[in-house]
Amino acid sequence: MSAVAGEPPERMRRRLLLERAAYQLAVTDRQVLDVALEAGFGSHEAFTRAFTKAYGAPPAHWRRRPGRTQIPAPSEVHVHPPGSVGCPPPRR
């Protein structure tokens, strides 16, 4: 999987969960903790650390002025809201 996608499966999974969480923060008024738990994080703090690393701002700050929801990735596989995952077209 790593050779094909360009990133390990766990990193891809975490990135996709963060992208979905960013979308939810941008379009809903759900509590940050609820979004964090749904994304598989065990605590608000762990989610905030991962989100800040990926997006450059803590979730509550980012929510006030949301930017891009996609995180750059070698595979070009991203969350496409409201709930699907999109893959790039096949290369010939």
N, C-alpha and C. Protein backbone atom coordinates (compact mmCIF):
# COMPACT_ATOMS: atom_id res chain seq x y z
N MET A 1 0.83 -1.19 0.00
CA MET A 1 0.00 0.00 0.00
C MET A 1 0.87 1.25 0.00
N SER A 2 1.91 1.26 0.80
CA SER A 2 2.78 2.44 0.88
C SER A 2 3.42 2.75 -0.47
N ALA A 3 3.82 1.71 -1.20
CA ALA A 3 4.46 1.92 -2.49
C ALA A 3 3.49 2.50 -3.52
N VAL A 4 2.25 2.08 -3.48
CA VAL A 4 1.25 2.55 -4.44
C VAL A 4 0.73 3.93 -4.05
N ALA A 5 0.41 4.13 -2.78
CA ALA A 5 -0.20 5.38 -2.33
C ALA A 5 0.82 6.46 -1.99
N GLY A 6 2.05 6.06 -1.75
CA GLY A 6 3.07 7.04 -1.40
C GLY A 6 3.07 7.43 0.06
N GLU A 7 2.23 6.79 0.85
CA GLU A 7 2.20 7.03 2.29
C GLU A 7 1.68 5.77 2.98
N PRO A 8 2.11 5.51 4.20
CA PRO A 8 1.65 4.31 4.91
C PRO A 8 0.13 4.38 5.15
N PRO A 9 -0.52 3.23 5.22
CA PRO A 9 -1.97 3.19 5.40
C PRO A 9 -2.46 3.97 6.63
N GLU A 10 -1.75 3.85 7.74
CA GLU A 10 -2.20 4.55 8.95
C GLU A 10 -2.10 6.06 8.78
N ARG A 11 -1.07 6.54 8.11
CA ARG A 11 -0.95 7.98 7.87
C ARG A 11 -2.07 8.47 6.95
N MET A 12 -2.39 7.67 5.92
CA MET A 12 -3.49 8.04 5.01
C MET A 12 -4.81 8.08 5.78
N ARG A 13 -5.05 7.08 6.59
CA ARG A 13 -6.29 7.02 7.38
C ARG A 13 -6.39 8.25 8.28
N ARG A 14 -5.33 8.56 8.99
CA ARG A 14 -5.34 9.71 9.90
C ARG A 14 -5.59 11.00 9.13
N ARG A 15 -4.94 11.14 7.97
CA ARG A 15 -5.10 12.35 7.16
C ARG A 15 -6.54 12.49 6.67
N LEU A 16 -7.13 11.39 6.21
CA LEU A 16 -8.51 11.44 5.74
C LEU A 16 -9.48 11.76 6.88
N LEU A 17 -9.22 11.23 8.06
CA LEU A 17 -10.07 11.56 9.21
C LEU A 17 -9.94 13.04 9.58
N LEU A 18 -8.73 13.59 9.49
CA LEU A 18 -8.54 15.01 9.76
C LEU A 18 -9.24 15.87 8.70
N GLU A 19 -9.19 15.46 7.44
CA GLU A 19 -9.87 16.21 6.39
C GLU A 19 -11.38 16.22 6.64
N ARG A 20 -11.92 15.06 7.00
CA ARG A 20 -13.36 15.00 7.28
C ARG A 20 -13.70 15.85 8.50
N ALA A 21 -12.85 15.83 9.51
CA ALA A 21 -13.08 16.64 10.70
C ALA A 21 -13.04 18.14 10.35
N ALA A 22 -12.11 18.54 9.51
CA ALA A 22 -12.02 19.95 9.10
C ALA A 22 -13.31 20.36 8.38
N TYR A 23 -13.81 19.51 7.52
CA TYR A 23 -15.07 19.81 6.83
C TYR A 23 -16.20 19.98 7.85
N GLN A 24 -16.28 19.08 8.81
CA GLN A 24 -17.34 19.16 9.82
C GLN A 24 -17.22 20.43 10.64
N LEU A 25 -16.01 20.82 10.98
CA LEU A 25 -15.82 22.06 11.73
C LEU A 25 -16.26 23.26 10.91
N ALA A 26 -16.05 23.21 9.61
CA ALA A 26 -16.39 24.35 8.74
C ALA A 26 -17.88 24.49 8.51
N VAL A 27 -18.62 23.38 8.49
CA VAL A 27 -20.03 23.45 8.07
C VAL A 27 -21.04 23.12 9.17
N THR A 28 -20.56 22.73 10.35
CA THR A 28 -21.49 22.42 11.44
C THR A 28 -21.11 23.24 12.66
N ASP A 29 -22.00 23.20 13.65
CA ASP A 29 -21.68 23.86 14.92
C ASP A 29 -21.41 22.84 16.02
N ARG A 30 -21.06 21.61 15.61
CA ARG A 30 -20.76 20.56 16.58
C ARG A 30 -19.56 20.96 17.43
N GLN A 31 -19.55 20.50 18.65
CA GLN A 31 -18.43 20.76 19.56
C GLN A 31 -17.16 20.12 19.01
N VAL A 32 -16.04 20.77 19.24
CA VAL A 32 -14.76 20.25 18.77
C VAL A 32 -14.51 18.86 19.34
N LEU A 33 -14.83 18.65 20.59
CA LEU A 33 -14.63 17.33 21.20
C LEU A 33 -15.43 16.25 20.48
N ASP A 34 -16.66 16.54 20.11
CA ASP A 34 -17.48 15.56 19.38
C ASP A 34 -16.85 15.21 18.03
N VAL A 35 -16.36 16.23 17.33
CA VAL A 35 -15.70 16.00 16.05
C VAL A 35 -14.43 15.18 16.27
N ALA A 36 -13.68 15.49 17.30
CA ALA A 36 -12.45 14.77 17.61
C ALA A 36 -12.71 13.30 17.90
N LEU A 37 -13.70 13.03 18.72
CA LEU A 37 -14.01 11.64 19.06
C LEU A 37 -14.50 10.86 17.85
N GLU A 38 -15.30 11.49 17.01
CA GLU A 38 -15.78 10.83 15.80
C GLU A 38 -14.62 10.53 14.85
N ALA A 39 -13.60 11.37 14.87
CA ALA A 39 -12.43 11.17 14.02
C ALA A 39 -11.47 10.13 14.60
N GLY A 40 -11.81 9.57 15.75
CA GLY A 40 -11.00 8.50 16.31
C GLY A 40 -9.93 8.93 17.30
N PHE A 41 -9.95 10.18 17.70
CA PHE A 41 -8.98 10.66 18.68
C PHE A 41 -9.50 10.40 20.08
N GLY A 42 -8.60 10.04 20.98
CA GLY A 42 -8.99 9.70 22.33
C GLY A 42 -9.20 10.89 23.25
N SER A 43 -8.74 12.06 22.81
CA SER A 43 -8.89 13.25 23.64
C SER A 43 -8.90 14.51 22.79
N HIS A 44 -9.42 15.56 23.38
CA HIS A 44 -9.43 16.87 22.74
C HIS A 44 -8.00 17.33 22.46
N GLU A 45 -7.11 17.07 23.41
CA GLU A 45 -5.72 17.50 23.29
C GLU A 45 -5.01 16.83 22.13
N ALA A 46 -5.20 15.51 21.99
CA ALA A 46 -4.55 14.78 20.89
C ALA A 46 -5.06 15.28 19.54
N PHE A 47 -6.36 15.52 19.45
CA PHE A 47 -6.94 16.04 18.22
C PHE A 47 -6.39 17.43 17.92
N THR A 48 -6.33 18.29 18.92
CA THR A 48 -5.83 19.65 18.72
C THR A 48 -4.39 19.64 18.24
N ARG A 49 -3.56 18.77 18.81
CA ARG A 49 -2.16 18.68 18.36
C ARG A 49 -2.07 18.25 16.90
N ALA A 50 -2.80 17.20 16.55
CA ALA A 50 -2.75 16.70 15.17
C ALA A 50 -3.34 17.71 14.19
N PHE A 51 -4.45 18.33 14.55
CA PHE A 51 -5.11 19.30 13.69
C PHE A 51 -4.20 20.52 13.47
N THR A 52 -3.61 21.01 14.55
CA THR A 52 -2.72 22.18 14.46
C THR A 52 -1.52 21.87 13.58
N LYS A 53 -0.97 20.69 13.70
CA LYS A 53 0.17 20.30 12.86
C LYS A 53 -0.23 20.27 11.39
N ALA A 54 -1.41 19.76 11.10
CA ALA A 54 -1.86 19.62 9.71
C ALA A 54 -2.35 20.93 9.10
N TYR A 55 -3.02 21.77 9.89
CA TYR A 55 -3.69 22.96 9.36
C TYR A 55 -3.07 24.28 9.80
N GLY A 56 -2.11 24.24 10.70
CA GLY A 56 -1.43 25.46 11.11
C GLY A 56 -2.16 26.30 12.13
N ALA A 57 -3.27 25.81 12.65
CA ALA A 57 -4.05 26.53 13.67
C ALA A 57 -4.88 25.52 14.45
N PRO A 58 -5.13 25.79 15.72
CA PRO A 58 -6.00 24.91 16.49
C PRO A 58 -7.41 24.88 15.89
N PRO A 59 -8.15 23.80 16.10
CA PRO A 59 -9.47 23.66 15.49
C PRO A 59 -10.42 24.83 15.75
N ALA A 60 -10.47 25.31 16.97
CA ALA A 60 -11.40 26.41 17.29
C ALA A 60 -11.03 27.68 16.54
N HIS A 61 -9.75 27.96 16.38
CA HIS A 61 -9.31 29.15 15.63
C HIS A 61 -9.56 28.96 14.14
N TRP A 62 -9.22 27.78 13.64
CA TRP A 62 -9.41 27.48 12.21
C TRP A 62 -10.88 27.60 11.84
N ARG A 63 -11.75 27.15 12.73
CA ARG A 63 -13.19 27.17 12.47
C ARG A 63 -13.70 28.58 12.20
N ARG A 64 -13.13 29.57 12.88
CA ARG A 64 -13.57 30.96 12.69
C ARG A 64 -13.25 31.47 11.30
N ARG A 65 -12.14 31.01 10.74
CA ARG A 65 -11.73 31.41 9.39
C ARG A 65 -11.23 30.17 8.66
N PRO A 66 -12.13 29.27 8.28
CA PRO A 66 -11.70 28.02 7.66
C PRO A 66 -11.03 28.27 6.32
N GLY A 67 -10.08 27.43 6.06
CA GLY A 67 -9.37 27.47 4.78
C GLY A 67 -9.59 26.16 4.04
N ARG A 68 -8.55 25.70 3.44
CA ARG A 68 -8.62 24.43 2.72
C ARG A 68 -8.92 23.29 3.69
N THR A 69 -9.63 22.28 3.22
CA THR A 69 -9.85 21.11 4.07
C THR A 69 -8.92 19.97 3.68
N GLN A 70 -8.39 20.00 2.46
CA GLN A 70 -7.51 18.93 2.02
C GLN A 70 -6.08 19.18 2.47
N ILE A 71 -5.45 18.11 2.90
CA ILE A 71 -4.05 18.13 3.32
C ILE A 71 -3.24 17.56 2.16
N PRO A 72 -2.17 18.23 1.73
CA PRO A 72 -1.38 17.70 0.62
C PRO A 72 -0.98 16.24 0.87
N ALA A 73 -1.09 15.44 -0.19
CA ALA A 73 -0.79 14.01 -0.07
C ALA A 73 -0.24 13.48 -1.38
N PRO A 74 0.74 12.59 -1.31
CA PRO A 74 1.31 12.03 -2.53
C PRO A 74 0.31 11.20 -3.34
N SER A 75 -0.66 10.62 -2.68
CA SER A 75 -1.63 9.75 -3.37
C SER A 75 -2.73 10.53 -4.07
N GLU A 76 -2.93 11.79 -3.70
CA GLU A 76 -4.01 12.62 -4.21
C GLU A 76 -5.39 12.05 -3.88
N VAL A 77 -5.46 11.20 -2.88
CA VAL A 77 -6.73 10.68 -2.38
C VAL A 77 -7.17 11.62 -1.26
N HIS A 78 -8.38 12.15 -1.37
CA HIS A 78 -8.88 13.12 -0.39
C HIS A 78 -10.35 12.87 -0.08
N VAL A 79 -10.78 13.44 1.02
CA VAL A 79 -12.20 13.43 1.36
C VAL A 79 -12.90 14.46 0.48
N HIS A 80 -14.00 14.04 -0.11
CA HIS A 80 -14.82 14.95 -0.91
C HIS A 80 -16.20 14.99 -0.25
N PRO A 81 -16.44 16.05 0.52
CA PRO A 81 -17.68 16.14 1.29
C PRO A 81 -18.91 16.04 0.40
N PRO A 82 -19.99 15.54 0.97
CA PRO A 82 -20.19 15.38 2.39
C PRO A 82 -19.69 14.08 2.99
N GLY A 83 -19.29 13.09 2.20
CA GLY A 83 -18.85 11.89 2.89
C GLY A 83 -18.06 10.91 2.04
N SER A 84 -17.71 11.26 0.83
CA SER A 84 -17.02 10.29 -0.01
C SER A 84 -15.52 10.57 -0.05
N VAL A 85 -14.80 9.59 -0.56
CA VAL A 85 -13.36 9.73 -0.75
C VAL A 85 -13.12 9.69 -2.25
N GLY A 86 -12.39 10.63 -2.74
CA GLY A 86 -12.11 10.69 -4.17
C GLY A 86 -10.68 10.30 -4.47
N CYS A 87 -10.53 9.56 -5.54
CA CYS A 87 -9.20 9.13 -5.99
C CYS A 87 -8.89 9.85 -7.29
N PRO A 88 -7.62 10.07 -7.55
CA PRO A 88 -7.26 10.70 -8.81
C PRO A 88 -7.55 9.75 -9.98
N PRO A 89 -7.70 10.30 -11.19
CA PRO A 89 -7.90 9.40 -12.34
C PRO A 89 -6.67 8.54 -12.59
N PRO A 90 -6.86 7.38 -13.17
CA PRO A 90 -5.71 6.51 -13.42
C PRO A 90 -4.71 7.18 -14.36
N ARG A 91 -3.45 6.94 -14.11
CA ARG A 91 -2.39 7.48 -14.96
C ARG A 91 -2.10 6.48 -16.07
N ARG A 92 -1.90 6.98 -17.25
CA ARG A 92 -1.62 6.08 -18.38
C ARG A 92 -0.20 6.16 -18.78
